[in-house]
Amino acid sequence: MKMSARAKRMQAHHKRRKDRTASLNMVSLMDIFTILVFFLLVSSGEEEALTNSKAIQLPESTSQQTPKKSIVITVNDKHILLQGRSVATVRKALRNNSTIIPGLQKQLLRYAARAMRIAKNKKGLKVTILGDKKIPFKLLKKIMVTCSNSNYTNISLAVLQKPAEGDKS
């Protein structure tokens, strides 16, 4: 049986297509993997929400909870910092006979006013205290009382995680 011209053309076309080998565009593939690596690096770095200063030695604990994002109060040997800004000195806070630290309370109330507009849960706001393990308990208590009087009732104390007694990993 004789093949039509159209059938011959189609057969030749299919033969040409079969001779070609499939190839991948490596540039596009490398771009995709690079983006994937950066995404994984960024998302894995979000686990640690607190930055630890070299001037502060946090106490150690076997707690397994990771910190949640919140307002951070940092206490070193000289200053009380709220979100990295100095709000009071340790010396003045300890000399003050009041149980409240005025500079800290003023700034906490400012943050609380903003947070209350946004927050769905209006009961108590979250705060994390990063305090050197050598700070006096009297100062820590004043900071905690100031926080609770400023509607920051969900108080967390930052610690360094150490392995549990029975944990060998």
N, C-alpha and C. Protein backbone atom coordinates (compact mmCIF):
# COMPACT_ATOMS: atom_id res chain seq x y z
N MET A 1 0.82 -1.17 0.00
CA MET A 1 0.00 0.00 0.00
C MET A 1 0.88 1.25 0.00
N LYS A 2 0.45 2.17 -0.79
CA LYS A 2 1.22 3.39 -1.01
C LYS A 2 0.86 4.42 0.07
N MET A 3 1.89 5.11 0.63
CA MET A 3 1.67 6.12 1.67
C MET A 3 1.43 7.48 1.03
N SER A 4 0.54 8.21 1.62
CA SER A 4 0.27 9.55 1.11
C SER A 4 1.43 10.48 1.50
N ALA A 5 1.49 11.61 0.85
CA ALA A 5 2.55 12.59 1.11
C ALA A 5 2.46 13.09 2.56
N ARG A 6 1.27 13.27 3.01
CA ARG A 6 1.06 13.75 4.39
C ARG A 6 1.57 12.72 5.39
N ALA A 7 1.28 11.46 5.18
CA ALA A 7 1.73 10.40 6.07
C ALA A 7 3.24 10.32 6.08
N LYS A 8 3.89 10.50 4.89
CA LYS A 8 5.35 10.47 4.81
C LYS A 8 5.96 11.63 5.61
N ARG A 9 5.36 12.81 5.47
CA ARG A 9 5.85 13.98 6.21
C ARG A 9 5.74 13.74 7.72
N MET A 10 4.61 13.20 8.15
CA MET A 10 4.41 12.94 9.58
C MET A 10 5.41 11.91 10.09
N GLN A 11 5.66 10.88 9.29
CA GLN A 11 6.60 9.84 9.69
C GLN A 11 8.01 10.43 9.81
N ALA A 12 8.41 11.27 8.88
CA ALA A 12 9.73 11.91 8.92
C ALA A 12 9.83 12.83 10.14
N HIS A 13 8.76 13.54 10.41
CA HIS A 13 8.72 14.44 11.57
C HIS A 13 8.90 13.65 12.87
N HIS A 14 8.21 12.54 12.99
CA HIS A 14 8.31 11.71 14.19
C HIS A 14 9.70 11.11 14.34
N LYS A 15 10.35 10.74 13.24
CA LYS A 15 11.70 10.19 13.30
C LYS A 15 12.68 11.25 13.81
N ARG A 16 12.52 12.48 13.32
CA ARG A 16 13.39 13.56 13.78
C ARG A 16 13.22 13.80 15.27
N ARG A 17 11.99 13.75 15.77
CA ARG A 17 11.70 13.98 17.18
C ARG A 17 12.27 12.86 18.07
N LYS A 18 12.28 11.62 17.56
CA LYS A 18 12.78 10.49 18.34
C LYS A 18 14.29 10.56 18.51
N ASP A 19 14.99 11.15 17.59
CA ASP A 19 16.45 11.21 17.66
C ASP A 19 16.93 12.18 18.74
N ARG A 20 16.13 13.10 19.12
CA ARG A 20 16.52 14.08 20.13
C ARG A 20 16.45 13.45 21.53
N THR A 21 17.38 13.83 22.37
CA THR A 21 17.35 13.37 23.76
C THR A 21 16.84 14.52 24.63
N ALA A 22 16.14 14.16 25.66
CA ALA A 22 15.61 15.16 26.58
C ALA A 22 16.74 15.73 27.43
N SER A 23 16.66 17.01 27.75
CA SER A 23 17.69 17.62 28.58
C SER A 23 17.03 18.54 29.61
N LEU A 24 17.73 18.74 30.70
CA LEU A 24 17.26 19.64 31.75
C LEU A 24 18.06 20.93 31.69
N ASN A 25 17.40 22.02 31.97
CA ASN A 25 18.09 23.29 32.04
C ASN A 25 18.67 23.41 33.45
N MET A 26 19.97 23.24 33.60
CA MET A 26 20.61 23.20 34.91
C MET A 26 20.58 24.55 35.62
N VAL A 27 20.58 25.64 34.89
CA VAL A 27 20.56 26.96 35.51
C VAL A 27 19.27 27.14 36.31
N SER A 28 18.16 26.78 35.70
CA SER A 28 16.88 26.91 36.40
C SER A 28 16.82 25.99 37.61
N LEU A 29 17.34 24.79 37.47
CA LEU A 29 17.34 23.83 38.57
C LEU A 29 18.20 24.34 39.73
N MET A 30 19.35 24.92 39.42
CA MET A 30 20.21 25.48 40.47
C MET A 30 19.54 26.66 41.17
N ASP A 31 18.83 27.48 40.42
CA ASP A 31 18.10 28.60 41.02
C ASP A 31 17.06 28.10 42.01
N ILE A 32 16.34 27.07 41.63
CA ILE A 32 15.31 26.53 42.51
C ILE A 32 15.93 25.98 43.79
N PHE A 33 17.03 25.24 43.68
CA PHE A 33 17.67 24.68 44.87
C PHE A 33 18.27 25.78 45.75
N THR A 34 18.81 26.83 45.16
CA THR A 34 19.35 27.94 45.93
C THR A 34 18.24 28.62 46.73
N ILE A 35 17.12 28.87 46.10
CA ILE A 35 15.99 29.48 46.81
C ILE A 35 15.51 28.57 47.93
N LEU A 36 15.46 27.29 47.69
CA LEU A 36 15.04 26.33 48.70
C LEU A 36 15.99 26.33 49.90
N VAL A 37 17.30 26.38 49.64
CA VAL A 37 18.28 26.41 50.73
C VAL A 37 18.12 27.68 51.56
N PHE A 38 17.98 28.83 50.92
CA PHE A 38 17.80 30.08 51.66
C PHE A 38 16.52 30.05 52.48
N PHE A 39 15.45 29.53 51.93
CA PHE A 39 14.19 29.43 52.66
C PHE A 39 14.36 28.57 53.91
N LEU A 40 15.03 27.43 53.77
CA LEU A 40 15.22 26.55 54.91
C LEU A 40 16.12 27.18 55.97
N LEU A 41 17.14 27.91 55.55
CA LEU A 41 18.01 28.59 56.51
C LEU A 41 17.25 29.66 57.29
N VAL A 42 16.44 30.43 56.60
CA VAL A 42 15.68 31.50 57.26
C VAL A 42 14.64 30.91 58.20
N SER A 43 13.92 29.91 57.75
CA SER A 43 12.86 29.35 58.59
C SER A 43 13.42 28.59 59.79
N SER A 44 14.59 28.00 59.68
CA SER A 44 15.16 27.31 60.83
C SER A 44 15.75 28.31 61.83
N GLY A 45 16.13 29.48 61.38
CA GLY A 45 16.68 30.49 62.27
C GLY A 45 15.64 31.21 63.09
N GLU A 46 14.38 31.05 62.78
CA GLU A 46 13.32 31.73 63.51
C GLU A 46 13.02 31.07 64.85
N GLU A 47 13.57 29.90 65.11
CA GLU A 47 13.27 29.19 66.34
C GLU A 47 13.76 29.95 67.56
N GLU A 48 14.95 30.53 67.47
CA GLU A 48 15.48 31.26 68.60
C GLU A 48 14.99 32.70 68.52
N ALA A 49 14.06 33.05 69.39
CA ALA A 49 13.45 34.36 69.34
C ALA A 49 14.20 35.38 70.18
N LEU A 50 15.04 34.93 71.10
CA LEU A 50 15.73 35.83 72.01
C LEU A 50 17.20 35.94 71.64
N THR A 51 17.70 37.16 71.68
CA THR A 51 19.13 37.35 71.45
C THR A 51 19.80 37.51 72.80
N ASN A 52 20.86 36.78 73.00
CA ASN A 52 21.54 36.78 74.28
C ASN A 52 22.79 37.64 74.18
N SER A 53 22.89 38.61 75.05
CA SER A 53 24.05 39.49 75.08
C SER A 53 25.20 38.80 75.80
N LYS A 54 26.42 39.15 75.43
CA LYS A 54 27.58 38.57 76.10
C LYS A 54 27.72 39.10 77.53
N ALA A 55 27.12 40.27 77.79
CA ALA A 55 27.20 40.87 79.11
C ALA A 55 26.27 40.19 80.11
N ILE A 56 25.37 39.36 79.61
CA ILE A 56 24.39 38.72 80.49
C ILE A 56 24.64 37.22 80.50
N GLN A 57 24.76 36.67 81.70
CA GLN A 57 24.87 35.22 81.85
C GLN A 57 23.53 34.73 82.37
N LEU A 58 22.78 34.05 81.50
CA LEU A 58 21.47 33.54 81.90
C LEU A 58 21.63 32.31 82.78
N PRO A 59 20.70 32.11 83.72
CA PRO A 59 20.73 30.88 84.50
C PRO A 59 20.40 29.68 83.62
N GLU A 60 20.81 28.50 84.04
CA GLU A 60 20.54 27.29 83.26
C GLU A 60 19.32 26.57 83.81
N SER A 61 18.61 25.89 82.91
CA SER A 61 17.41 25.16 83.29
C SER A 61 17.23 23.98 82.35
N THR A 62 16.44 23.00 82.78
CA THR A 62 16.14 21.85 81.93
C THR A 62 14.80 22.02 81.23
N SER A 63 14.27 23.21 81.22
CA SER A 63 12.98 23.48 80.57
C SER A 63 13.06 23.16 79.08
N GLN A 64 11.99 22.56 78.56
CA GLN A 64 11.94 22.19 77.14
C GLN A 64 11.16 23.19 76.30
N GLN A 65 10.53 24.18 76.92
CA GLN A 65 9.72 25.14 76.17
C GLN A 65 10.61 26.13 75.44
N THR A 66 10.23 26.43 74.20
CA THR A 66 10.96 27.44 73.44
C THR A 66 10.27 28.79 73.65
N PRO A 67 11.03 29.88 73.59
CA PRO A 67 10.43 31.19 73.85
C PRO A 67 9.45 31.61 72.76
N LYS A 68 8.39 32.28 73.19
CA LYS A 68 7.41 32.84 72.26
C LYS A 68 7.78 34.30 72.03
N LYS A 69 7.33 34.83 70.93
CA LYS A 69 7.64 36.22 70.60
C LYS A 69 6.87 37.13 71.55
N SER A 70 7.59 38.03 72.21
CA SER A 70 6.98 38.96 73.16
C SER A 70 7.91 40.14 73.38
N ILE A 71 7.46 41.07 74.21
CA ILE A 71 8.30 42.21 74.60
C ILE A 71 9.43 41.65 75.47
N VAL A 72 10.65 42.16 75.29
CA VAL A 72 11.80 41.64 76.03
C VAL A 72 12.39 42.73 76.93
N ILE A 73 12.52 42.38 78.21
CA ILE A 73 13.20 43.26 79.17
C ILE A 73 14.54 42.60 79.47
N THR A 74 15.62 43.34 79.22
CA THR A 74 16.97 42.82 79.47
C THR A 74 17.55 43.55 80.67
N VAL A 75 18.10 42.79 81.61
CA VAL A 75 18.68 43.38 82.81
C VAL A 75 20.13 42.94 82.90
N ASN A 76 21.04 43.94 82.84
CA ASN A 76 22.45 43.62 83.05
C ASN A 76 22.90 44.29 84.34
N ASP A 77 24.18 44.40 84.57
CA ASP A 77 24.65 44.94 85.84
C ASP A 77 24.45 46.45 85.98
N LYS A 78 24.20 47.16 84.88
CA LYS A 78 24.05 48.62 84.96
C LYS A 78 22.68 49.14 84.53
N HIS A 79 22.06 48.51 83.54
CA HIS A 79 20.84 49.06 82.94
C HIS A 79 19.70 48.05 82.87
N ILE A 80 18.49 48.61 82.84
CA ILE A 80 17.29 47.84 82.54
C ILE A 80 16.86 48.30 81.15
N LEU A 81 16.83 47.37 80.21
CA LEU A 81 16.52 47.70 78.82
C LEU A 81 15.19 47.09 78.42
N LEU A 82 14.39 47.87 77.72
CA LEU A 82 13.13 47.37 77.17
C LEU A 82 13.25 47.43 75.66
N GLN A 83 13.19 46.27 75.02
CA GLN A 83 13.36 46.15 73.57
C GLN A 83 14.67 46.79 73.12
N GLY A 84 15.73 46.67 73.93
CA GLY A 84 17.04 47.18 73.57
C GLY A 84 17.30 48.63 73.94
N ARG A 85 16.30 49.32 74.49
CA ARG A 85 16.48 50.73 74.89
C ARG A 85 16.49 50.85 76.40
N SER A 86 17.43 51.62 76.91
CA SER A 86 17.55 51.79 78.35
C SER A 86 16.36 52.58 78.90
N VAL A 87 15.70 52.03 79.92
CA VAL A 87 14.56 52.71 80.54
C VAL A 87 14.84 53.09 81.98
N ALA A 88 15.84 52.47 82.59
CA ALA A 88 16.21 52.79 83.98
C ALA A 88 17.59 52.21 84.26
N THR A 89 18.21 52.74 85.31
CA THR A 89 19.48 52.16 85.74
C THR A 89 19.21 51.23 86.92
N VAL A 90 20.04 50.24 87.05
CA VAL A 90 19.89 49.27 88.13
C VAL A 90 20.09 49.95 89.48
N ARG A 91 21.06 50.84 89.56
CA ARG A 91 21.36 51.54 90.81
C ARG A 91 20.14 52.33 91.30
N LYS A 92 19.50 53.10 90.40
CA LYS A 92 18.32 53.89 90.80
C LYS A 92 17.15 52.99 91.16
N ALA A 93 16.99 51.91 90.44
CA ALA A 93 15.87 50.99 90.72
C ALA A 93 16.03 50.34 92.09
N LEU A 94 17.26 50.00 92.47
CA LEU A 94 17.49 49.38 93.77
C LEU A 94 17.38 50.39 94.91
N ARG A 95 17.77 51.64 94.67
CA ARG A 95 17.68 52.68 95.71
C ARG A 95 16.25 53.15 95.94
N ASN A 96 15.43 53.06 94.92
CA ASN A 96 14.04 53.50 95.02
C ASN A 96 13.29 52.60 96.01
N ASN A 97 12.56 53.22 96.96
CA ASN A 97 11.82 52.45 97.96
C ASN A 97 10.52 51.88 97.42
N SER A 98 10.07 52.37 96.29
CA SER A 98 8.82 51.89 95.69
C SER A 98 9.02 50.50 95.10
N THR A 99 7.92 49.75 94.99
CA THR A 99 8.00 48.42 94.38
C THR A 99 7.90 48.50 92.86
N ILE A 100 7.69 49.70 92.34
CA ILE A 100 7.54 49.90 90.89
C ILE A 100 8.70 50.74 90.37
N ILE A 101 9.17 50.42 89.20
CA ILE A 101 10.23 51.18 88.54
C ILE A 101 9.54 52.13 87.56
N PRO A 102 9.52 53.45 87.84
CA PRO A 102 8.73 54.40 87.04
C PRO A 102 9.09 54.44 85.55
N GLY A 103 10.37 54.48 85.21
CA GLY A 103 10.78 54.55 83.80
C GLY A 103 10.34 53.33 83.02
N LEU A 104 10.45 52.17 83.63
CA LEU A 104 10.03 50.92 83.00
C LEU A 104 8.51 50.89 82.84
N GLN A 105 7.80 51.32 83.89
CA GLN A 105 6.34 51.30 83.81
C GLN A 105 5.81 52.23 82.72
N LYS A 106 6.42 53.39 82.60
CA LYS A 106 5.99 54.35 81.57
C LYS A 106 6.10 53.74 80.18
N GLN A 107 7.23 53.11 79.89
CA GLN A 107 7.43 52.51 78.57
C GLN A 107 6.56 51.27 78.37
N LEU A 108 6.38 50.47 79.42
CA LEU A 108 5.51 49.30 79.31
C LEU A 108 4.07 49.70 79.01
N LEU A 109 3.61 50.76 79.66
CA LEU A 109 2.24 51.23 79.41
C LEU A 109 2.09 51.74 77.98
N ARG A 110 3.14 52.36 77.46
CA ARG A 110 3.11 52.81 76.07
C ARG A 110 2.99 51.62 75.11
N TYR A 111 3.79 50.59 75.35
CA TYR A 111 3.71 49.38 74.53
C TYR A 111 2.37 48.67 74.72
N ALA A 112 1.87 48.67 75.95
CA ALA A 112 0.60 47.99 76.24
C ALA A 112 -0.56 48.67 75.52
N ALA A 113 -0.53 50.00 75.44
CA ALA A 113 -1.60 50.72 74.75
C ALA A 113 -1.65 50.32 73.28
N ARG A 114 -0.49 50.20 72.67
CA ARG A 114 -0.43 49.76 71.27
C ARG A 114 -0.87 48.31 71.12
N ALA A 115 -0.40 47.47 72.02
CA ALA A 115 -0.70 46.03 71.93
C ALA A 115 -2.17 45.75 72.18
N MET A 116 -2.81 46.53 73.04
CA MET A 116 -4.23 46.31 73.35
C MET A 116 -5.11 46.60 72.15
N ARG A 117 -4.68 47.55 71.31
CA ARG A 117 -5.46 47.84 70.11
C ARG A 117 -5.41 46.67 69.14
N ILE A 118 -4.29 45.96 69.12
CA ILE A 118 -4.09 44.87 68.18
C ILE A 118 -4.55 43.53 68.75
N ALA A 119 -4.28 43.31 70.04
CA ALA A 119 -4.50 41.99 70.66
C ALA A 119 -5.96 41.61 70.73
N LYS A 120 -6.21 40.33 70.50
CA LYS A 120 -7.55 39.78 70.65
C LYS A 120 -7.80 39.43 72.11
N ASN A 121 -6.75 38.89 72.76
CA ASN A 121 -6.86 38.52 74.17
C ASN A 121 -6.45 39.73 75.01
N LYS A 122 -7.39 40.37 75.65
CA LYS A 122 -7.11 41.60 76.38
C LYS A 122 -6.80 41.34 77.86
N LYS A 123 -6.69 40.08 78.26
CA LYS A 123 -6.47 39.76 79.67
C LYS A 123 -5.09 40.21 80.14
N GLY A 124 -4.05 39.60 79.63
CA GLY A 124 -2.71 39.92 80.06
C GLY A 124 -1.73 39.76 78.92
N LEU A 125 -0.83 40.71 78.80
CA LEU A 125 0.15 40.68 77.71
C LEU A 125 1.37 39.87 78.13
N LYS A 126 2.16 39.45 77.14
CA LYS A 126 3.34 38.63 77.39
C LYS A 126 4.60 39.49 77.46
N VAL A 127 5.48 39.12 78.37
CA VAL A 127 6.78 39.78 78.48
C VAL A 127 7.80 38.71 78.86
N THR A 128 9.01 38.85 78.35
CA THR A 128 10.11 37.94 78.68
C THR A 128 11.22 38.75 79.33
N ILE A 129 11.71 38.26 80.46
CA ILE A 129 12.78 38.94 81.18
C ILE A 129 14.08 38.16 80.99
N LEU A 130 15.08 38.83 80.42
CA LEU A 130 16.42 38.27 80.28
C LEU A 130 17.26 38.92 81.36
N GLY A 131 17.48 38.22 82.44
CA GLY A 131 18.24 38.78 83.55
C GLY A 131 19.49 37.99 83.82
N ASP A 132 20.58 38.69 84.08
CA ASP A 132 21.81 38.03 84.45
C ASP A 132 21.56 37.20 85.71
N LYS A 133 22.23 36.05 85.81
CA LYS A 133 21.97 35.19 86.97
C LYS A 133 22.48 35.79 88.27
N LYS A 134 23.25 36.87 88.20
CA LYS A 134 23.78 37.50 89.40
C LYS A 134 22.96 38.70 89.88
N ILE A 135 21.88 39.07 89.18
CA ILE A 135 21.09 40.22 89.62
C ILE A 135 20.37 39.87 90.92
N PRO A 136 20.21 40.86 91.82
CA PRO A 136 19.53 40.59 93.09
C PRO A 136 18.04 40.26 92.88
N PHE A 137 17.52 39.39 93.73
CA PHE A 137 16.12 39.02 93.62
C PHE A 137 15.21 40.23 93.86
N LYS A 138 15.65 41.15 94.70
CA LYS A 138 14.87 42.37 94.98
C LYS A 138 14.59 43.13 93.67
N LEU A 139 15.60 43.22 92.81
CA LEU A 139 15.44 43.91 91.53
C LEU A 139 14.51 43.14 90.61
N LEU A 140 14.68 41.83 90.55
CA LEU A 140 13.81 40.99 89.72
C LEU A 140 12.36 41.11 90.17
N LYS A 141 12.14 41.13 91.47
CA LYS A 141 10.78 41.26 92.01
C LYS A 141 10.17 42.61 91.63
N LYS A 142 10.96 43.68 91.70
CA LYS A 142 10.47 45.01 91.31
C LYS A 142 10.09 45.03 89.83
N ILE A 143 10.90 44.40 89.01
CA ILE A 143 10.60 44.35 87.57
C ILE A 143 9.32 43.59 87.32
N MET A 144 9.14 42.46 88.02
CA MET A 144 7.94 41.65 87.83
C MET A 144 6.69 42.38 88.34
N VAL A 145 6.79 43.09 89.44
CA VAL A 145 5.65 43.87 89.96
C VAL A 145 5.30 44.99 88.98
N THR A 146 6.32 45.65 88.44
CA THR A 146 6.09 46.71 87.46
C THR A 146 5.39 46.15 86.22
N CYS A 147 5.82 44.98 85.78
CA CYS A 147 5.19 44.34 84.61
C CYS A 147 3.72 44.03 84.89
N SER A 148 3.45 43.42 86.03
CA SER A 148 2.06 43.04 86.32
C SER A 148 1.17 44.26 86.52
N ASN A 149 1.70 45.35 87.04
CA ASN A 149 0.91 46.58 87.18
C ASN A 149 0.68 47.27 85.84
N SER A 150 1.46 46.90 84.83
CA SER A 150 1.31 47.49 83.49
C SER A 150 0.56 46.56 82.54
N ASN A 151 -0.17 45.59 83.09
CA ASN A 151 -0.99 44.61 82.34
C ASN A 151 -0.14 43.59 81.59
N TYR A 152 1.10 43.41 81.98
CA TYR A 152 1.94 42.34 81.44
C TYR A 152 1.99 41.24 82.49
N THR A 153 0.93 40.44 82.53
CA THR A 153 0.81 39.42 83.58
C THR A 153 1.36 38.06 83.16
N ASN A 154 1.61 37.87 81.89
CA ASN A 154 2.17 36.61 81.41
C ASN A 154 3.69 36.79 81.32
N ILE A 155 4.39 36.54 82.43
CA ILE A 155 5.82 36.83 82.53
C ILE A 155 6.62 35.54 82.36
N SER A 156 7.61 35.59 81.48
CA SER A 156 8.52 34.46 81.27
C SER A 156 9.94 34.90 81.63
N LEU A 157 10.67 34.01 82.27
CA LEU A 157 12.07 34.28 82.58
C LEU A 157 12.93 33.46 81.63
N ALA A 158 13.82 34.12 80.93
CA ALA A 158 14.68 33.44 79.95
C ALA A 158 15.80 32.71 80.67
N VAL A 159 16.08 31.49 80.21
CA VAL A 159 17.16 30.68 80.76
C VAL A 159 17.90 30.00 79.62
N LEU A 160 19.09 29.52 79.90
CA LEU A 160 19.82 28.70 78.94
C LEU A 160 19.41 27.25 79.16
N GLN A 161 19.16 26.56 78.07
CA GLN A 161 18.72 25.17 78.19
C GLN A 161 19.92 24.27 78.41
N LYS A 162 19.83 23.45 79.43
CA LYS A 162 20.87 22.45 79.67
C LYS A 162 20.22 21.08 79.62
N PRO A 163 20.99 20.05 79.30
CA PRO A 163 20.39 18.71 79.22
C PRO A 163 19.91 18.25 80.58
N ALA A 164 18.84 17.47 80.59
CA ALA A 164 18.30 16.92 81.83
C ALA A 164 19.30 15.91 82.40
N GLU A 165 19.16 15.59 83.67
CA GLU A 165 20.09 14.69 84.35
C GLU A 165 20.22 13.34 83.64
N GLY A 166 19.11 12.73 83.22
CA GLY A 166 19.14 11.43 82.57
C GLY A 166 19.38 11.48 81.08
N ASP A 167 19.38 12.69 80.50
CA ASP A 167 19.52 12.86 79.05
C ASP A 167 21.00 12.88 78.68
N LYS A 168 21.42 11.99 77.78
CA LYS A 168 22.83 11.92 77.39
C LYS A 168 23.09 12.49 76.02
N SER A 169 22.09 13.11 75.38
CA SER A 169 22.29 13.64 74.02
C SER A 169 22.90 15.00 74.01
